[in-house]
Structures are given as C-alpha cells and as structure tokens.
Amino acid sequence: MAGGLALVALALISFSAEAQEAGGSWMTDDDDYPAKALREGRSGLVEVTITVSPKGKVTDCTVTQSSGSSDLDAATCPFFVRKMRFKPAIDATGEKVEQKVVKRMNWTLPQR
C-alpha cells in the first residue's frame, strides 16, 4: 500500500514554466516603457498571473497587484504577451502542459 501512495505522489509532480533567456534585453525604452510614465518619471512593480501554453507562449494575463500607476499596469500584460517566451511546464509523463504562473514586472526608469 505504501508503494502505491508514492506512485500517486509522483504522478502529480510537474516542472514549472521558466522564462527563456533572450539575447540582450527584453525591454527597449522607445517601444516598451509607457511614454507618459517615462516623461513623468514614474516607476513601479506590477504583479501578474499569466497562462503559459504548451508551446511556451503567454495566452492570458491578469494584473493581480497594481504598481499604483494605471499606465504601467496597462502596459504589463501586452508586454508579456508580445515579448516573453517560456520553456513550457512538463508534467510527470514528460508532456508539455499549460500552466498559470505568477510573475512580476519591475518598471525601472532607464539611466540617462
């Protein structure tokens, strides 16, 4: 009976989706940082829950913690959908699966 319990536990194990490394920065000042926030010198941390498909693409995104800046919050999900790619989650049988992941985007003003 104890061996059967170990097998059930093993079947529930999966490996989480991880962001793939990119050559260079994910963000460019001109294209990604909200222009108004950049002009006004605003930065902040936004927390989102994203859904990563078995192909490693972000298919859904919801802001779960605001930065306090509506334009930074509004820019975060489109950024994740457009720019981020992930190594998909793998279940215990080795299959790629969809997974919800909590991520944070720290909008930091560029050094000039």
C-alpha atoms as a PDB file:
ATOM      1  CA  MET A   1       0.000   0.000   0.000  1.00  0.00           C
ATOM      2  CA  ALA A   2       2.823   2.457   0.819  1.00  0.00           C
ATOM      3  CA  GLY A   3       4.340   1.914  -2.637  1.00  0.00           C
ATOM      4  CA  GLY A   4       1.012   2.818  -4.243  1.00  0.00           C
ATOM      5  CA  LEU A   5       0.945   6.136  -2.391  1.00  0.00           C
ATOM      6  CA  ALA A   6       4.420   7.008  -3.630  1.00  0.00           C
ATOM      7  CA  LEU A   7       3.319   6.342  -7.207  1.00  0.00           C
ATOM      8  CA  VAL A   8       0.311   8.638  -6.858  1.00  0.00           C
ATOM      9  CA  ALA A   9       2.505  11.415  -5.457  1.00  0.00           C
ATOM     10  CA  LEU A  10       4.978  11.011  -8.326  1.00  0.00           C
ATOM     11  CA  ALA A  11       2.208  11.419 -10.903  1.00  0.00           C
ATOM     12  CA  LEU A  12       1.398  14.893  -9.530  1.00  0.00           C
ATOM     13  CA  ILE A  13       4.923  16.260  -9.931  1.00  0.00           C
ATOM     14  CA  SER A  14       5.493  18.741 -12.757  1.00  0.00           C
ATOM     15  CA  PHE A  15       8.224  21.131 -13.734  1.00  0.00           C
ATOM     16  CA  SER A  16       7.229  24.790 -13.877  1.00  0.00           C
ATOM     17  CA  ALA A  17       7.407  27.017 -16.904  1.00  0.00           C
ATOM     18  CA  GLU A  18      10.552  29.163 -16.988  1.00  0.00           C
ATOM     19  CA  ALA A  19      11.300  32.290 -18.979  1.00  0.00           C
ATOM     20  CA  GLN A  20      13.707  31.641 -21.822  1.00  0.00           C
ATOM     21  CA  GLU A  21      16.867  33.673 -21.962  1.00  0.00           C
ATOM     22  CA  ALA A  22      16.977  36.322 -24.630  1.00  0.00           C
ATOM     23  CA  GLY A  23      19.963  37.722 -26.444  1.00  0.00           C
ATOM     24  CA  GLY A  24      20.002  41.230 -24.985  1.00  0.00           C
ATOM     25  CA  SER A  25      17.321  42.996 -23.039  1.00  0.00           C
ATOM     26  CA  TRP A  26      13.615  42.149 -23.248  1.00  0.00           C
ATOM     27  CA  MET A  27      12.753  45.825 -22.991  1.00  0.00           C
ATOM     28  CA  THR A  28      13.681  48.828 -25.049  1.00  0.00           C
ATOM     29  CA  ASP A  29      12.935  52.341 -23.775  1.00  0.00           C
ATOM     30  CA  ASP A  30      11.362  53.574 -27.002  1.00  0.00           C
ATOM     31  CA  ASP A  31       8.983  50.685 -27.584  1.00  0.00           C
ATOM     32  CA  ASP A  32       8.093  49.292 -24.195  1.00  0.00           C
ATOM     33  CA  TYR A  33       8.153  51.837 -21.384  1.00  0.00           C
ATOM     34  CA  PRO A  34       4.856  53.762 -21.332  1.00  0.00           C
ATOM     35  CA  ALA A  35       5.702  57.202 -22.729  1.00  0.00           C
ATOM     36  CA  LYS A  36       3.709  59.211 -20.187  1.00  0.00           C
ATOM     37  CA  ALA A  37       5.212  57.311 -17.248  1.00  0.00           C
ATOM     38  CA  LEU A  38       8.676  57.814 -18.731  1.00  0.00           C
ATOM     39  CA  ARG A  39       8.123  61.561 -19.163  1.00  0.00           C
ATOM     40  CA  GLU A  40       6.725  61.862 -15.626  1.00  0.00           C
ATOM     41  CA  GLY A  41       9.489  59.750 -14.083  1.00  0.00           C
ATOM     42  CA  ARG A  42       7.182  57.032 -12.756  1.00  0.00           C
ATOM     43  CA  SER A  43       8.293  53.503 -11.992  1.00  0.00           C
ATOM     44  CA  GLY A  44       6.707  50.616 -10.116  1.00  0.00           C
ATOM     45  CA  LEU A  45       6.258  46.913  -9.560  1.00  0.00           C
ATOM     46  CA  VAL A  46       3.323  45.110 -11.198  1.00  0.00           C
ATOM     47  CA  GLU A  47       2.383  41.526 -10.342  1.00  0.00           C
ATOM     48  CA  VAL A  48       0.529  39.438 -12.919  1.00  0.00           C
ATOM     49  CA  THR A  49      -0.796  35.920 -13.256  1.00  0.00           C
ATOM     50  CA  ILE A  50      -0.082  34.580 -16.724  1.00  0.00           C
ATOM     51  CA  THR A  51      -1.075  31.422 -18.520  1.00  0.00           C
ATOM     52  CA  VAL A  52       1.766  29.767 -20.428  1.00  0.00           C
ATOM     53  CA  SER A  53       0.707  27.435 -23.245  1.00  0.00           C
ATOM     54  CA  PRO A  54       2.351  24.082 -24.005  1.00  0.00           C
ATOM     55  CA  LYS A  55       4.149  25.967 -26.811  1.00  0.00           C
ATOM     56  CA  GLY A  56       5.659  28.421 -24.296  1.00  0.00           C
ATOM     57  CA  LYS A  57       3.573  31.443 -25.290  1.00  0.00           C
ATOM     58  CA  VAL A  58       1.665  33.682 -22.901  1.00  0.00           C
ATOM     59  CA  THR A  59      -2.017  33.176 -23.747  1.00  0.00           C
ATOM     60  CA  ASP A  60      -3.649  35.041 -20.856  1.00  0.00           C
ATOM     61  CA  CYS A  61      -2.566  37.673 -18.359  1.00  0.00           C
ATOM     62  CA  THR A  62      -4.231  39.406 -15.422  1.00  0.00           C
ATOM     63  CA  VAL A  63      -2.798  42.136 -13.194  1.00  0.00           C
ATOM     64  CA  THR A  64      -3.039  40.864  -9.619  1.00  0.00           C
ATOM     65  CA  GLN A  65      -1.139  43.658  -7.858  1.00  0.00           C
ATOM     66  CA  SER A  66      -1.033  47.228  -9.109  1.00  0.00           C
ATOM     67  CA  SER A  67       2.040  49.416  -9.254  1.00  0.00           C
ATOM     68  CA  GLY A  68      -0.149  52.379  -8.393  1.00  0.00           C
ATOM     69  CA  SER A  69       0.295  53.698 -11.935  1.00  0.00           C
ATOM     70  CA  SER A  70      -2.509  52.800 -14.337  1.00  0.00           C
ATOM     71  CA  ASP A  71      -0.362  53.158 -17.457  1.00  0.00           C
ATOM     72  CA  LEU A  72       2.379  50.871 -16.090  1.00  0.00           C
ATOM     73  CA  ASP A  73      -0.285  48.339 -15.082  1.00  0.00           C
ATOM     74  CA  ALA A  74      -1.950  48.574 -18.508  1.00  0.00           C
ATOM     75  CA  ALA A  75       1.363  48.084 -20.351  1.00  0.00           C
ATOM     76  CA  THR A  76       2.436  44.981 -18.411  1.00  0.00           C
ATOM     77  CA  CYS A  77       0.171  42.283 -19.879  1.00  0.00           C
ATOM     78  CA  PRO A  78       0.659  43.366 -23.511  1.00  0.00           C
ATOM     79  CA  PHE A  79       4.419  43.316 -22.855  1.00  0.00           C
ATOM     80  CA  PHE A  80       4.283  39.747 -21.502  1.00  0.00           C
ATOM     81  CA  VAL A  81       2.111  38.543 -24.396  1.00  0.00           C
ATOM     82  CA  ARG A  82       4.250  40.256 -27.058  1.00  0.00           C
ATOM     83  CA  LYS A  83       7.779  39.701 -25.732  1.00  0.00           C
ATOM     84  CA  MET A  84       8.005  36.832 -23.271  1.00  0.00           C
ATOM     85  CA  ARG A  85       8.538  33.218 -24.258  1.00  0.00           C
ATOM     86  CA  PHE A  86       8.831  30.356 -21.804  1.00  0.00           C
ATOM     87  CA  LYS A  87      10.096  26.836 -21.676  1.00  0.00           C
ATOM     88  CA  PRO A  88       6.724  25.156 -21.099  1.00  0.00           C
ATOM     89  CA  ALA A  89       5.855  23.235 -17.967  1.00  0.00           C
ATOM     90  CA  ILE A  90       6.382  19.487 -18.163  1.00  0.00           C
ATOM     91  CA  ASP A  91       4.146  17.017 -16.341  1.00  0.00           C
ATOM     92  CA  ALA A  92       5.280  13.766 -14.731  1.00  0.00           C
ATOM     93  CA  THR A  93       4.848  11.886 -18.010  1.00  0.00           C
ATOM     94  CA  GLY A  94       7.093  14.313 -19.889  1.00  0.00           C
ATOM     95  CA  GLU A  95       4.269  16.074 -21.744  1.00  0.00           C
ATOM     96  CA  LYS A  96       4.275  19.834 -22.209  1.00  0.00           C
ATOM     97  CA  VAL A  97       1.296  21.350 -20.393  1.00  0.00           C
ATOM     98  CA  GLU A  98      -0.406  24.694 -19.837  1.00  0.00           C
ATOM     99  CA  GLN A  99       0.385  26.367 -16.536  1.00  0.00           C
ATOM    100  CA  LYS A 100      -0.555  29.513 -14.619  1.00  0.00           C
ATOM    101  CA  VAL A 101       2.472  31.400 -13.296  1.00  0.00           C
ATOM    102  CA  VAL A 102       2.802  34.497 -11.108  1.00  0.00           C
ATOM    103  CA  LYS A 103       5.374  36.975 -12.417  1.00  0.00           C
ATOM    104  CA  ARG A 104       6.452  40.481 -11.507  1.00  0.00           C
ATOM    105  CA  MET A 105       7.444  43.319 -13.802  1.00  0.00           C
ATOM    106  CA  ASN A 106       9.620  45.977 -12.209  1.00  0.00           C
ATOM    107  CA  TRP A 107       9.249  49.072 -14.362  1.00  0.00           C
ATOM    108  CA  THR A 108      12.503  50.887 -13.632  1.00  0.00           C
ATOM    109  CA  LEU A 109      13.384  54.201 -15.220  1.00  0.00           C
ATOM    110  CA  PRO A 110      16.320  53.923 -17.617  1.00  0.00           C
ATOM    111  CA  GLN A 111      19.611  55.512 -16.615  1.00  0.00           C
ATOM    112  CA  ARG A 112      20.308  58.536 -18.820  1.00  0.00           C
END
